[in-house]
Amino acid sequence: MRKYIQQNIRVISGCTVGLIIFILILAFIINFITKLDLGFDVSNNSTWISFYATILSAVIGGVISGGLTLLGVIHTIKAQDRKERRNILPSKMMVAEKISEKILGIIHSYEKYNKFDESEQCIHKAYVEEMKRITKETENKRLASLEEAASVNFELYDDVFSFYEKINNINKIINDENIKIVVFDYDKDSEYISDHKGYEKLLYDKVQSEIISMNNIKQLVDNKILNLREEYIKLSK
């Protein structure tokens, strides 16, 4: 209760000042009424004075008791909300960390094959096939990942949605008719494919740009996990 009073000292102080002002105004009103010419003298009538005093004490008592009750109810509700929030944060953090690990695995899969040999000016012969395979496997997990993110908060959902949009962009790049990769079997042990060198470099650069964006989104997800941890520590104090 003491902690709640400290956190809401401004509100309590405002209510106290308001009550004092109300009492002073009410006293002036009563004094004004007792001086009105109502056809009978109320200024010296002990019954009237007692009547006004009773009203005044009832109003003040009601305001005080009602205010304390309200503060107690607010404190109870906030304490319960705080407890419930603290209890669900660990599960949310676990889900968010699982999503972060999944995102990191996807990024590593793309980075493994998105290589460009500067000396040979070409990409790996399995580049297109592997990129399509990774994209297909990842897209199959899209809905489940979005559902998991939504169970944490909408901010994480937005990040995961943006992440899968980057995967969709990679898929469009790989299937772009303007970037055609033709495999030439120069020999059985060839590790590279070769077509127009400019096309291969363009393909690499475009995919690499999306991978960089995916890494940035991964950082946003990790920041949200950190925020959840900080909130949990704060609520546990």
Protein backbone atom coordinates (compact mmCIF):
# COMPACT_ATOMS: atom_id res chain seq x y z
CA MET A 1 0.00 0.00 0.00
CA ARG A 2 2.87 2.34 0.87
CA LYS A 3 4.40 1.75 -2.58
CA TYR A 4 1.06 2.51 -4.24
CA ILE A 5 0.73 5.76 -2.26
CA GLN A 6 4.24 6.79 -3.33
CA GLN A 7 3.43 6.06 -6.99
CA ASN A 8 0.17 8.04 -6.81
CA ILE A 9 1.21 10.84 -4.45
CA ARG A 10 0.12 13.53 -6.93
CA VAL A 11 -3.39 12.11 -7.26
CA ILE A 12 -3.77 11.71 -3.49
CA SER A 13 -2.44 15.22 -2.87
CA GLY A 14 -4.85 16.62 -5.46
CA CYS A 15 -7.80 14.83 -3.85
CA THR A 16 -6.80 16.13 -0.39
CA VAL A 17 -6.53 19.72 -1.61
CA GLY A 18 -9.85 19.35 -3.44
CA LEU A 19 -11.53 18.07 -0.26
CA ILE A 20 -10.22 21.00 1.79
CA ILE A 21 -11.45 23.47 -0.83
CA PHE A 22 -14.84 21.70 -0.87
CA ILE A 23 -15.14 21.99 2.93
CA LEU A 24 -14.33 25.70 2.86
CA ILE A 25 -16.80 26.38 0.05
CA LEU A 26 -19.50 24.37 1.83
CA ALA A 27 -18.92 26.36 5.02
CA PHE A 28 -19.41 29.61 3.11
CA ILE A 29 -22.58 28.23 1.53
CA ILE A 30 -24.01 27.25 4.91
CA ASN A 31 -23.10 30.63 6.35
CA PHE A 32 -24.80 32.32 3.38
CA ILE A 33 -27.98 30.24 3.78
CA THR A 34 -28.25 31.02 7.50
CA LYS A 35 -28.23 34.75 6.68
CA LEU A 36 -31.00 34.56 4.08
CA ASP A 37 -34.38 36.04 4.91
CA LEU A 38 -36.54 32.94 4.70
CA GLY A 39 -39.38 34.27 6.86
CA PHE A 40 -37.96 32.66 9.97
CA ASP A 41 -34.68 32.96 11.83
CA VAL A 42 -32.30 30.09 11.19
CA SER A 43 -29.10 31.74 12.39
CA ASN A 44 -29.89 31.14 16.06
CA ASN A 45 -31.81 27.93 15.65
CA SER A 46 -29.75 25.06 17.10
CA THR A 47 -31.83 22.58 15.09
CA TRP A 48 -30.79 24.18 11.81
CA ILE A 49 -27.16 24.40 12.89
CA SER A 50 -27.25 20.75 13.87
CA PHE A 51 -28.94 19.89 10.56
CA TYR A 52 -26.24 21.61 8.51
CA ALA A 53 -23.48 20.12 10.65
CA THR A 54 -24.92 16.65 10.10
CA ILE A 55 -25.05 17.17 6.36
CA LEU A 56 -21.50 18.51 6.35
CA SER A 57 -20.12 15.59 8.37
CA ALA A 58 -22.03 13.08 6.24
CA VAL A 59 -20.71 14.58 3.01
CA ILE A 60 -17.14 14.77 4.29
CA GLY A 61 -17.31 11.27 5.73
CA GLY A 62 -18.79 9.93 2.51
CA VAL A 63 -16.15 11.58 0.38
CA ILE A 64 -13.32 10.30 2.59
CA SER A 65 -14.63 6.75 2.89
CA GLY A 66 -15.57 6.65 -0.78
CA GLY A 67 -12.17 7.97 -1.80
CA LEU A 68 -10.33 5.45 0.36
CA THR A 69 -12.49 2.64 -0.99
CA LEU A 70 -11.83 3.77 -4.54
CA LEU A 71 -8.08 3.92 -3.91
CA GLY A 72 -8.21 0.45 -2.38
CA VAL A 73 -10.09 -0.96 -5.36
CA ILE A 74 -7.71 0.69 -7.83
CA HIS A 75 -4.73 -0.63 -5.89
CA THR A 76 -6.18 -4.17 -5.85
CA ILE A 77 -6.94 -4.12 -9.58
CA LYS A 78 -3.49 -2.80 -10.47
CA ALA A 79 -1.80 -5.32 -8.18
CA GLN A 80 -3.76 -8.15 -9.78
CA ASP A 81 -2.97 -6.94 -13.29
CA ARG A 82 0.68 -6.63 -12.33
CA LYS A 83 0.73 -10.17 -10.97
CA GLU A 84 -1.01 -11.62 -14.02
CA ARG A 85 1.33 -9.75 -16.38
CA ARG A 86 4.38 -10.96 -14.48
CA ASN A 87 3.14 -14.56 -14.56
CA ILE A 88 2.66 -14.66 -18.34
CA LEU A 89 5.89 -12.87 -19.26
CA PRO A 90 8.16 -15.95 -18.92
CA SER A 91 6.11 -17.91 -21.46
CA LYS A 92 6.08 -14.92 -23.81
CA MET A 93 9.85 -14.60 -23.53
CA MET A 94 10.30 -18.29 -24.32
CA VAL A 95 8.12 -17.99 -27.43
CA ALA A 96 9.96 -14.84 -28.54
CA GLU A 97 13.36 -16.50 -28.05
CA LYS A 98 12.19 -19.53 -30.03
CA ILE A 99 11.14 -17.20 -32.87
CA SER A 100 14.52 -15.43 -32.72
CA GLU A 101 16.37 -18.76 -33.01
CA LYS A 102 14.17 -19.79 -35.93
CA ILE A 103 14.86 -16.50 -37.73
CA LEU A 104 18.59 -16.88 -37.14
CA GLY A 105 18.52 -20.41 -38.61
CA ILE A 106 16.75 -19.18 -41.73
CA ILE A 107 19.25 -16.35 -42.18
CA HIS A 108 22.18 -18.74 -41.83
CA SER A 109 20.63 -21.05 -44.44
CA TYR A 110 20.43 -18.22 -46.96
CA GLU A 111 23.91 -16.94 -46.11
CA LYS A 112 25.38 -20.41 -46.63
CA TYR A 113 24.48 -20.43 -50.32
CA ASN A 114 24.41 -16.74 -51.13
CA LYS A 115 28.09 -16.65 -52.05
CA PHE A 116 29.74 -14.95 -54.98
CA ASP A 117 33.24 -15.90 -56.13
CA GLU A 118 34.89 -12.61 -56.98
CA SER A 119 37.81 -14.28 -58.76
CA GLU A 120 35.62 -16.45 -60.98
CA GLN A 121 32.80 -13.89 -61.08
CA CYS A 122 30.13 -16.56 -60.60
CA ILE A 123 27.96 -18.24 -58.01
CA HIS A 124 27.66 -21.81 -56.78
CA LYS A 125 26.10 -24.25 -59.21
CA ALA A 126 23.45 -25.29 -56.66
CA TYR A 127 22.58 -21.65 -55.87
CA VAL A 128 19.14 -21.44 -57.45
CA GLU A 129 18.01 -24.91 -56.37
CA GLU A 130 19.09 -24.37 -52.76
CA MET A 131 17.53 -20.91 -52.58
CA LYS A 132 14.23 -22.31 -53.84
CA ARG A 133 14.43 -25.20 -51.37
CA ILE A 134 15.09 -22.93 -48.39
CA THR A 135 12.32 -20.56 -49.41
CA LYS A 136 9.81 -23.39 -49.80
CA GLU A 137 10.68 -24.94 -46.43
CA THR A 138 10.49 -21.55 -44.74
CA GLU A 139 7.17 -20.58 -46.31
CA ASN A 140 5.63 -23.78 -44.90
CA LYS A 141 6.38 -22.47 -41.39
CA ARG A 142 5.07 -18.97 -42.03
CA LEU A 143 1.61 -19.35 -40.49
CA ALA A 144 2.86 -21.12 -37.35
CA SER A 145 5.51 -18.44 -36.81
CA LEU A 146 2.99 -15.63 -37.17
CA GLU A 147 0.64 -17.31 -34.70
CA GLU A 148 3.47 -17.65 -32.19
CA ALA A 149 4.44 -14.01 -32.63
CA ALA A 150 0.84 -12.86 -32.19
CA SER A 151 0.68 -14.71 -28.86
CA VAL A 152 3.47 -12.45 -27.57
CA ASN A 153 2.39 -9.02 -28.84
CA PHE A 154 1.45 -7.19 -32.03
CA GLU A 155 4.87 -5.54 -32.30
CA LEU A 156 6.59 -8.91 -32.58
CA TYR A 157 3.93 -10.04 -35.05
CA ASP A 158 4.76 -7.05 -37.26
CA ASP A 159 8.46 -7.92 -37.19
CA VAL A 160 7.87 -11.57 -38.09
CA PHE A 161 5.47 -10.55 -40.84
CA SER A 162 8.11 -8.21 -42.27
CA PHE A 163 10.70 -10.98 -42.05
CA TYR A 164 8.59 -13.34 -44.14
CA GLU A 165 7.98 -10.57 -46.63
CA LYS A 166 11.75 -10.49 -47.16
CA ILE A 167 11.64 -14.22 -47.86
CA ASN A 168 8.88 -13.58 -50.36
CA ASN A 169 11.09 -10.95 -51.99
CA ILE A 170 13.92 -13.48 -52.32
CA ASN A 171 11.52 -15.89 -53.97
CA LYS A 172 10.54 -13.21 -56.49
CA ILE A 173 14.20 -12.44 -57.19
CA ILE A 174 15.08 -16.09 -57.77
CA ASN A 175 12.16 -16.48 -60.16
CA ASP A 176 12.70 -13.16 -61.92
CA GLU A 177 12.60 -13.73 -65.67
CA ASN A 178 15.14 -10.94 -66.13
CA ILE A 179 17.75 -12.84 -64.10
CA LYS A 180 18.26 -16.17 -65.85
CA ILE A 181 20.88 -18.62 -64.73
CA VAL A 182 21.91 -21.27 -67.25
CA VAL A 183 24.07 -24.17 -66.10
CA PHE A 184 26.99 -25.13 -68.32
CA ASP A 185 28.53 -28.52 -67.53
CA TYR A 186 32.15 -27.74 -68.40
CA ASP A 187 33.26 -30.84 -66.54
CA LYS A 188 31.87 -33.33 -64.07
CA ASP A 189 33.64 -31.75 -61.04
CA SER A 190 32.61 -28.19 -61.78
CA GLU A 191 31.61 -26.30 -58.60
CA TYR A 192 30.21 -23.24 -60.34
CA ILE A 193 27.62 -22.26 -62.83
CA SER A 194 28.24 -19.68 -65.48
CA ASP A 195 25.97 -17.56 -67.62
CA HIS A 196 26.15 -13.82 -68.11
CA LYS A 197 28.40 -12.61 -65.30
CA GLY A 198 26.38 -9.48 -64.77
CA TYR A 199 23.22 -11.52 -64.16
CA GLU A 200 24.87 -13.67 -61.51
CA LYS A 201 26.30 -10.66 -59.64
CA LEU A 202 22.94 -8.91 -59.86
CA LEU A 203 21.21 -11.97 -58.43
CA TYR A 204 23.70 -12.16 -55.56
CA ASP A 205 23.44 -8.44 -54.77
CA LYS A 206 19.64 -8.46 -54.73
CA VAL A 207 19.44 -11.48 -52.43
CA GLN A 208 22.18 -10.11 -50.20
CA SER A 209 20.22 -6.88 -49.77
CA GLU A 210 17.22 -8.88 -48.50
CA ILE A 211 19.46 -10.89 -46.15
CA ILE A 212 20.79 -7.66 -44.65
CA SER A 213 17.22 -6.50 -44.05
CA MET A 214 16.44 -9.86 -42.44
CA ASN A 215 19.36 -9.40 -40.05
CA ASN A 216 18.04 -5.97 -39.12
CA ILE A 217 14.65 -7.48 -38.33
CA LYS A 218 16.39 -10.14 -36.22
CA GLN A 219 17.91 -7.31 -34.18
CA LEU A 220 14.45 -5.76 -33.68
CA VAL A 221 13.13 -9.10 -32.42
CA ASP A 222 16.05 -9.42 -29.99
CA ASN A 223 15.37 -5.89 -28.72
CA LYS A 224 11.77 -6.84 -27.97
CA ILE A 225 12.96 -9.89 -26.02
CA LEU A 226 15.20 -7.58 -24.00
CA ASN A 227 12.23 -5.29 -23.33
CA LEU A 228 10.19 -8.24 -22.06
CA ARG A 229 13.01 -9.23 -19.70
CA GLU A 230 13.32 -5.71 -18.36
CA GLU A 231 9.56 -5.54 -17.81
CA TYR A 232 9.64 -8.85 -15.94
CA ILE A 233 12.45 -7.63 -13.67
CA LYS A 234 10.56 -4.40 -13.01
CA LEU A 235 7.32 -6.23 -12.14
CA SER A 236 9.19 -8.65 -9.86
CA LYS A 237 10.48 -5.86 -7.62
